């Protein structure tokens, strides 16, 4: 019975950490979007920093890469 419970517990811990990272990444992307919408491109480096942190937390987030790439392209 213990052999079954331990792997299940580990899965819950791993998925819980992934969920928190995705929430933090979404918050950072939101901050970058607000910064760009409110200030235009006056503070692009700050938005890039937020997006880079989001990518580190959630490397498979296409939105963060896309927005960051667009900022680099516009500059």
PDB file of N, CA and C in Angstrom:
ATOM      1  N   UNK A   1       0.822  -1.197   0.000  1.00  0.00           N
ATOM      2  CA  UNK A   1       0.000   0.000   0.000  1.00  0.00           C
ATOM      3  C   UNK A   1       0.861   1.254   0.000  1.00  0.00           C
ATOM      4  N   UNK A   2       1.954   1.248   0.789  1.00  0.00           N
ATOM      5  CA  UNK A   2       2.844   2.406   0.847  1.00  0.00           C
ATOM      6  C   UNK A   2       3.475   2.698  -0.504  1.00  0.00           C
ATOM      7  N   UNK A   3       3.788   1.654  -1.246  1.00  0.00           N
ATOM      8  CA  UNK A   3       4.431   1.832  -2.536  1.00  0.00           C
ATOM      9  C   UNK A   3       3.522   2.583  -3.512  1.00  0.00           C
ATOM     10  N   UNK A   4       2.245   2.503  -3.328  1.00  0.00           N
ATOM     11  CA  UNK A   4       1.291   3.198  -4.198  1.00  0.00           C
ATOM     12  C   UNK A   4       1.071   4.630  -3.723  1.00  0.00           C
ATOM     13  N   UNK A   5       1.016   4.844  -2.445  1.00  0.00           N
ATOM     14  CA  UNK A   5       0.719   6.160  -1.873  1.00  0.00           C
ATOM     15  C   UNK A   5       1.852   7.152  -2.134  1.00  0.00           C
ATOM     16  N   UNK A   6       3.091   6.730  -1.999  1.00  0.00           N
ATOM     17  CA  UNK A   6       4.227   7.642  -2.161  1.00  0.00           C
ATOM     18  C   UNK A   6       4.287   8.230  -3.574  1.00  0.00           C
ATOM     19  N   UNK A   7       4.203   7.431  -4.647  1.00  0.00           N
ATOM     20  CA  UNK A   7       4.224   8.041  -5.982  1.00  0.00           C
ATOM     21  C   UNK A   7       3.045   8.982  -6.239  1.00  0.00           C
ATOM     22  N   UNK A   8       1.887   8.643  -5.712  1.00  0.00           N
ATOM     23  CA  UNK A   8       0.720   9.514  -5.880  1.00  0.00           C
ATOM     24  C   UNK A   8       0.956  10.837  -5.161  1.00  0.00           C
ATOM     25  N   UNK A   9       1.510  10.788  -3.968  1.00  0.00           N
ATOM     26  CA  UNK A   9       1.820  11.999  -3.223  1.00  0.00           C
ATOM     27  C   UNK A   9       2.827  12.864  -3.987  1.00  0.00           C
ATOM     28  N   UNK A  10       3.848  12.230  -4.543  1.00  0.00           N
ATOM     29  CA  UNK A  10       4.852  12.968  -5.315  1.00  0.00           C
ATOM     30  C   UNK A  10       4.238  13.647  -6.534  1.00  0.00           C
ATOM     31  N   UNK A  11       3.307  12.993  -7.184  1.00  0.00           N
ATOM     32  CA  UNK A  11       2.631  13.611  -8.324  1.00  0.00           C
ATOM     33  C   UNK A  11       1.850  14.852  -7.908  1.00  0.00           C
ATOM     34  N   UNK A  12       1.179  14.777  -6.761  1.00  0.00           N
ATOM     35  CA  UNK A  12       0.449  15.947  -6.267  1.00  0.00           C
ATOM     36  C   UNK A  12       1.393  17.101  -5.960  1.00  0.00           C
ATOM     37  N   UNK A  13       2.537  16.795  -5.383  1.00  0.00           N
ATOM     38  CA  UNK A  13       3.516  17.835  -5.061  1.00  0.00           C
ATOM     39  C   UNK A  13       4.054  18.470  -6.334  1.00  0.00           C
ATOM     40  N   UNK A  14       4.386  17.647  -7.320  1.00  0.00           N
ATOM     41  CA  UNK A  14       4.931  18.162  -8.584  1.00  0.00           C
ATOM     42  C   UNK A  14       3.900  19.007  -9.310  1.00  0.00           C
ATOM     43  N   UNK A  15       2.674  18.511  -9.438  1.00  0.00           N
ATOM     44  CA  UNK A  15       1.642  19.277 -10.141  1.00  0.00           C
ATOM     45  C   UNK A  15       1.263  20.538  -9.379  1.00  0.00           C
ATOM     46  N   UNK A  16       1.321  20.510  -8.071  1.00  0.00           N
ATOM     47  CA  UNK A  16       1.054  21.709  -7.282  1.00  0.00           C
ATOM     48  C   UNK A  16       2.099  22.773  -7.538  1.00  0.00           C
ATOM     49  N   UNK A  17       3.360  22.384  -7.626  1.00  0.00           N
ATOM     50  CA  UNK A  17       4.433  23.337  -7.915  1.00  0.00           C
ATOM     51  C   UNK A  17       4.294  23.888  -9.323  1.00  0.00           C
ATOM     52  N   UNK A  18       3.940  23.051 -10.274  1.00  0.00           N
ATOM     53  CA  UNK A  18       3.750  23.507 -11.659  1.00  0.00           C
ATOM     54  C   UNK A  18       2.602  24.502 -11.739  1.00  0.00           C
ATOM     55  N   UNK A  19       1.551  24.254 -11.000  1.00  0.00           N
ATOM     56  CA  UNK A  19       0.400  25.144 -11.008  1.00  0.00           C
ATOM     57  C   UNK A  19       0.771  26.509 -10.462  1.00  0.00           C
ATOM     58  N   UNK A  20       1.533  26.534  -9.372  1.00  0.00           N
ATOM     59  CA  UNK A  20       1.966  27.813  -8.797  1.00  0.00           C
ATOM     60  C   UNK A  20       2.873  28.561  -9.753  1.00  0.00           C
ATOM     61  N   UNK A  21       3.763  27.847 -10.424  1.00  0.00           N
ATOM     62  CA  UNK A  21       4.654  28.490 -11.397  1.00  0.00           C
ATOM     63  C   UNK A  21       3.866  29.077 -12.554  1.00  0.00           C
ATOM     64  N   UNK A  22       2.849  28.365 -13.019  1.00  0.00           N
ATOM     65  CA  UNK A  22       2.062  28.883 -14.135  1.00  0.00           C
ATOM     66  C   UNK A  22       1.249  30.107 -13.707  1.00  0.00           C
ATOM     67  N   UNK A  23       0.787  30.123 -12.451  1.00  0.00           N
ATOM     68  CA  UNK A  23       0.074  31.302 -11.948  1.00  0.00           C
ATOM     69  C   UNK A  23       1.010  32.497 -11.843  1.00  0.00           C
ATOM     70  N   UNK A  24       2.222  32.266 -11.352  1.00  0.00           N
ATOM     71  CA  UNK A  24       3.209  33.344 -11.250  1.00  0.00           C
ATOM     72  C   UNK A  24       3.596  33.839 -12.641  1.00  0.00           C
ATOM     73  N   UNK A  25       3.776  32.913 -13.580  1.00  0.00           N
ATOM     74  CA  UNK A  25       4.129  33.299 -14.946  1.00  0.00           C
ATOM     75  C   UNK A  25       3.010  34.126 -15.574  1.00  0.00           C
ATOM     76  N   UNK A  26       1.771  33.720 -15.359  1.00  0.00           N
ATOM     77  CA  UNK A  26       0.636  34.478 -15.902  1.00  0.00           C
ATOM     78  C   UNK A  26       0.583  35.878 -15.298  1.00  0.00           C
ATOM     79  N   UNK A  27       0.900  35.987 -14.024  1.00  0.00           N
ATOM     80  CA  UNK A  27       0.910  37.297 -13.365  1.00  0.00           C
ATOM     81  C   UNK A  27       2.006  38.192 -13.959  1.00  0.00           C
ATOM     82  N   UNK A  28       3.182  37.628 -14.212  1.00  0.00           N
ATOM     83  CA  UNK A  28       4.272  38.400 -14.803  1.00  0.00           C
ATOM     84  C   UNK A  28       3.933  38.851 -16.229  1.00  0.00           C
ATOM     85  N   UNK A  29       3.296  37.978 -16.988  1.00  0.00           N
ATOM     86  CA  UNK A  29       2.882  38.337 -18.349  1.00  0.00           C
ATOM     87  C   UNK A  29       1.850  39.451 -18.290  1.00  0.00           C
ATOM     88  N   UNK A  30       0.943  39.360 -17.344  1.00  0.00           N
ATOM     89  CA  UNK A  30      -0.073  40.402 -17.179  1.00  0.00           C
ATOM     90  C   UNK A  30       0.590  41.742 -16.839  1.00  0.00           C
ATOM     91  N   UNK A  31       1.578  41.719 -15.944  1.00  0.00           N
ATOM     92  CA  UNK A  31       2.297  42.945 -15.586  1.00  0.00           C
ATOM     93  C   UNK A  31       2.984  43.548 -16.808  1.00  0.00           C
ATOM     94  N   UNK A  32       3.593  42.699 -17.615  1.00  0.00           N
ATOM     95  CA  UNK A  32       4.265  43.189 -18.820  1.00  0.00           C
ATOM     96  C   UNK A  32       3.259  43.813 -19.780  1.00  0.00           C
ATOM     97  N   UNK A  33       2.114  43.164 -19.950  1.00  0.00           N
ATOM     98  CA  UNK A  33       1.077  43.710 -20.835  1.00  0.00           C
ATOM     99  C   UNK A  33       0.548  45.043 -20.325  1.00  0.00           C
ATOM    100  N   UNK A  34       0.318  45.146 -19.016  1.00  0.00           N
ATOM    101  CA  UNK A  34      -0.144  46.416 -18.455  1.00  0.00           C
ATOM    102  C   UNK A  34       0.890  47.511 -18.668  1.00  0.00           C
ATOM    103  N   UNK A  35       2.133  47.165 -18.463  1.00  0.00           N
ATOM    104  CA  UNK A  35       3.211  48.131 -18.630  1.00  0.00           C
ATOM    105  C   UNK A  35       3.272  48.626 -20.070  1.00  0.00           C
ATOM    106  N   UNK A  36       3.107  47.723 -21.008  1.00  0.00           N
ATOM    107  CA  UNK A  36       3.156  48.108 -22.421  1.00  0.00           C
ATOM    108  C   UNK A  36       1.911  48.885 -22.829  1.00  0.00           C
ATOM    109  N   UNK A  37       0.766  48.497 -22.325  1.00  0.00           N
ATOM    110  CA  UNK A  37      -0.468  49.187 -22.692  1.00  0.00           C
ATOM    111  C   UNK A  37      -0.550  50.580 -22.097  1.00  0.00           C
ATOM    112  N   UNK A  38      -0.046  50.728 -20.874  1.00  0.00           N
ATOM    113  CA  UNK A  38      -0.124  52.031 -20.208  1.00  0.00           C
ATOM    114  C   UNK A  38       0.962  52.982 -20.679  1.00  0.00           C
ATOM    115  N   UNK A  39       2.138  52.472 -20.901  1.00  0.00           N
ATOM    116  CA  UNK A  39       3.285  53.323 -21.188  1.00  0.00           C
ATOM    117  C   UNK A  39       3.738  53.261 -22.640  1.00  0.00           C
ATOM    118  N   UNK A  40       3.060  52.486 -23.458  1.00  0.00           N
ATOM    119  CA  UNK A  40       3.546  52.311 -24.824  1.00  0.00           C
ATOM    120  C   UNK A  40       4.848  51.544 -24.776  1.00  0.00           C
ATOM    121  N   UNK A  41       5.862  52.040 -25.445  1.00  0.00           N
ATOM    122  CA  UNK A  41       7.169  51.386 -25.409  1.00  0.00           C
ATOM    123  C   UNK A  41       8.184  52.230 -24.650  1.00  0.00           C
ATOM    124  N   UNK A  42       7.740  52.968 -23.657  1.00  0.00           N
ATOM    125  CA  UNK A  42       8.655  53.790 -22.881  1.00  0.00           C
ATOM    126  C   UNK A  42       9.523  52.951 -21.942  1.00  0.00           C
ATOM    127  N   UNK A  43       9.018  51.829 -21.479  1.00  0.00           N
ATOM    128  CA  UNK A  43       9.776  50.970 -20.569  1.00  0.00           C
ATOM    129  C   UNK A  43       9.819  49.536 -21.100  1.00  0.00           C
ATOM    130  N   UNK A  44      10.329  49.345 -22.303  1.00  0.00           N
ATOM    131  CA  UNK A  44      10.324  47.989 -22.863  1.00  0.00           C
ATOM    132  C   UNK A  44      11.223  47.019 -22.099  1.00  0.00           C
ATOM    133  N   UNK A  45      12.324  47.497 -21.551  1.00  0.00           N
ATOM    134  CA  UNK A  45      13.237  46.599 -20.848  1.00  0.00           C
ATOM    135  C   UNK A  45      12.596  46.005 -19.595  1.00  0.00           C
ATOM    136  N   UNK A  46      11.796  46.787 -18.911  1.00  0.00           N
ATOM    137  CA  UNK A  46      11.106  46.284 -17.726  1.00  0.00           C
ATOM    138  C   UNK A  46      10.107  45.191 -18.133  1.00  0.00           C
ATOM    139  N   UNK A  47       9.399  45.397 -19.241  1.00  0.00           N
ATOM    140  CA  UNK A  47       8.466  44.380 -19.739  1.00  0.00           C
ATOM    141  C   UNK A  47       9.219  43.121 -20.161  1.00  0.00           C
ATOM    142  N   UNK A  48      10.367  43.299 -20.812  1.00  0.00           N
ATOM    143  CA  UNK A  48      11.186  42.150 -21.212  1.00  0.00           C
ATOM    144  C   UNK A  48      11.656  41.374 -19.982  1.00  0.00           C
ATOM    145  N   UNK A  49      12.026  42.092 -18.932  1.00  0.00           N
ATOM    146  CA  UNK A  49      12.450  41.425 -17.697  1.00  0.00           C
ATOM    147  C   UNK A  49      11.324  40.586 -17.097  1.00  0.00           C
ATOM    148  N   UNK A  50      10.116  41.144 -17.064  1.00  0.00           N
ATOM    149  CA  UNK A  50       8.963  40.375 -16.571  1.00  0.00           C
ATOM    150  C   UNK A  50       8.754  39.116 -17.411  1.00  0.00           C
ATOM    151  N   UNK A  51       8.832  39.277 -18.716  1.00  0.00           N
ATOM    152  CA  UNK A  51       8.583  38.144 -19.610  1.00  0.00           C
ATOM    153  C   UNK A  51       9.678  37.087 -19.506  1.00  0.00           C
ATOM    154  N   UNK A  52      10.909  37.518 -19.318  1.00  0.00           N
ATOM    155  CA  UNK A  52      12.007  36.566 -19.145  1.00  0.00           C
ATOM    156  C   UNK A  52      11.817  35.755 -17.866  1.00  0.00           C
ATOM    157  N   UNK A  53      11.376  36.407 -16.803  1.00  0.00           N
ATOM    158  CA  UNK A  53      11.091  35.687 -15.555  1.00  0.00           C
ATOM    159  C   UNK A  53       9.952  34.694 -15.760  1.00  0.00           C
ATOM    160  N   UNK A  54       8.935  35.108 -16.515  1.00  0.00           N
ATOM    161  CA  UNK A  54       7.806  34.213 -16.794  1.00  0.00           C
ATOM    162  C   UNK A  54       8.272  32.986 -17.584  1.00  0.00           C
ATOM    163  N   UNK A  55       9.166  33.202 -18.535  1.00  0.00           N
ATOM    164  CA  UNK A  55       9.681  32.090 -19.341  1.00  0.00           C
ATOM    165  C   UNK A  55      10.496  31.129 -18.473  1.00  0.00           C
ATOM    166  N   UNK A  56      11.247  31.654 -17.521  1.00  0.00           N
ATOM    167  CA  UNK A  56      12.013  30.784 -16.622  1.00  0.00           C
ATOM    168  C   UNK A  56      11.087  29.933 -15.764  1.00  0.00           C
ATOM    169  N   UNK A  57       9.956  30.511 -15.353  1.00  0.00           N
ATOM    170  CA  UNK A  57       8.995  29.763 -14.543  1.00  0.00           C
ATOM    171  C   UNK A  57       8.210  28.752 -15.368  1.00  0.00           C
ATOM    172  N   UNK A  58       7.884  29.143 -16.599  1.00  0.00           N
ATOM    173  CA  UNK A  58       7.059  28.296 -17.453  1.00  0.00           C
ATOM    174  C   UNK A  58       7.605  28.338 -18.879  1.00  0.00           C
ATOM    175  N   UNK A  59       8.634  27.534 -19.168  1.00  0.00           N
ATOM    176  CA  UNK A  59       9.314  27.604 -20.456  1.00  0.00           C
ATOM    177  C   UNK A  59       8.457  27.237 -21.668  1.00  0.00           C
ATOM    178  N   UNK A  60       7.319  26.628 -21.460  1.00  0.00           N
ATOM    179  CA  UNK A  60       6.465  26.254 -22.595  1.00  0.00           C
ATOM    180  C   UNK A  60       5.348  27.265 -22.854  1.00  0.00           C
ATOM    181  N   UNK A  61       5.457  28.459 -22.281  1.00  0.00           N
ATOM    182  CA  UNK A  61       4.425  29.480 -22.453  1.00  0.00           C
ATOM    183  C   UNK A  61       4.696  30.277 -23.729  1.00  0.00           C
ATOM    184  N   UNK A  62       3.944  30.004 -24.761  1.00  0.00           N
ATOM    185  CA  UNK A  62       4.144  30.654 -26.062  1.00  0.00           C
ATOM    186  C   UNK A  62       3.889  32.152 -26.015  1.00  0.00           C
ATOM    187  N   UNK A  63       2.932  32.568 -25.207  1.00  0.00           N
ATOM    188  CA  UNK A  63       2.589  33.994 -25.133  1.00  0.00           C
ATOM    189  C   UNK A  63       3.777  34.833 -24.673  1.00  0.00           C
ATOM    190  N   UNK A  64       4.496  34.357 -23.683  1.00  0.00           N
ATOM    191  CA  UNK A  64       5.638  35.113 -23.154  1.00  0.00           C
ATOM    192  C   UNK A  64       6.709  35.290 -24.223  1.00  0.00           C
ATOM    193  N   UNK A  65       6.999  34.218 -24.961  1.00  0.00           N
ATOM    194  CA  UNK A  65       7.982  34.311 -26.044  1.00  0.00           C
ATOM    195  C   UNK A  65       7.514  35.263 -27.136  1.00  0.00           C
ATOM    196  N   UNK A  66       6.244  35.156 -27.488  1.00  0.00           N
ATOM    197  CA  UNK A  66       5.688  35.966 -28.563  1.00  0.00           C
ATOM    198  C   UNK A  66       5.725  37.456 -28.226  1.00  0.00           C
ATOM    199  N   UNK A  67       5.279  37.801 -27.036  1.00  0.00           N
ATOM    200  CA  UNK A  67       5.255  39.208 -26.626  1.00  0.00           C
ATOM    201  C   UNK A  67       6.679  39.751 -26.530  1.00  0.00           C
ATOM    202  N   UNK A  68       7.573  38.965 -25.948  1.00  0.00           N
ATOM    203  CA  UNK A  68       8.970  39.405 -25.814  1.00  0.00           C
ATOM    204  C   UNK A  68       9.617  39.588 -27.193  1.00  0.00           C
ATOM    205  N   UNK A  69       9.328  38.689 -28.104  1.00  0.00           N
ATOM    206  CA  UNK A  69       9.860  38.815 -29.462  1.00  0.00           C
ATOM    207  C   UNK A  69       9.326  40.047 -30.163  1.00  0.00           C
ATOM    208  N   UNK A  70       8.046  40.340 -29.966  1.00  0.00           N
ATOM    209  CA  UNK A  70       7.460  41.535 -30.577  1.00  0.00           C
ATOM    210  C   UNK A  70       8.100  42.801 -30.041  1.00  0.00           C
ATOM    211  N   UNK A  71       8.395  42.831 -28.762  1.00  0.00           N
ATOM    212  CA  UNK A  71       9.049  44.011 -28.180  1.00  0.00           C
ATOM    213  C   UNK A  71      10.430  44.201 -28.794  1.00  0.00           C
ATOM    214  N   UNK A  72      11.181  43.109 -28.913  1.00  0.00           N
ATOM    215  CA  UNK A  72      12.511  43.199 -29.523  1.00  0.00           C
ATOM    216  C   UNK A  72      12.405  43.678 -30.977  1.00  0.00           C
ATOM    217  N   UNK A  73      11.413  43.200 -31.691  1.00  0.00           N
ATOM    218  CA  UNK A  73      11.230  43.566 -33.102  1.00  0.00           C
ATOM    219  C   UNK A  73      10.899  45.054 -33.250  1.00  0.00           C
ATOM    220  N   UNK A  74      10.064  45.571 -32.373  1.00  0.00           N
ATOM    221  CA  UNK A  74       9.618  46.971 -32.467  1.00  0.00           C
ATOM    222  C   UNK A  74      10.743  47.939 -32.089  1.00  0.00           C
ATOM    223  N   UNK A  75      11.611  47.533 -31.182  1.00  0.00           N
ATOM    224  CA  UNK A  75      12.663  48.459 -30.710  1.00  0.00           C
ATOM    225  C   UNK A  75      13.610  48.821 -31.811  1.00  0.00           C
TER     226      UNK A  75
END
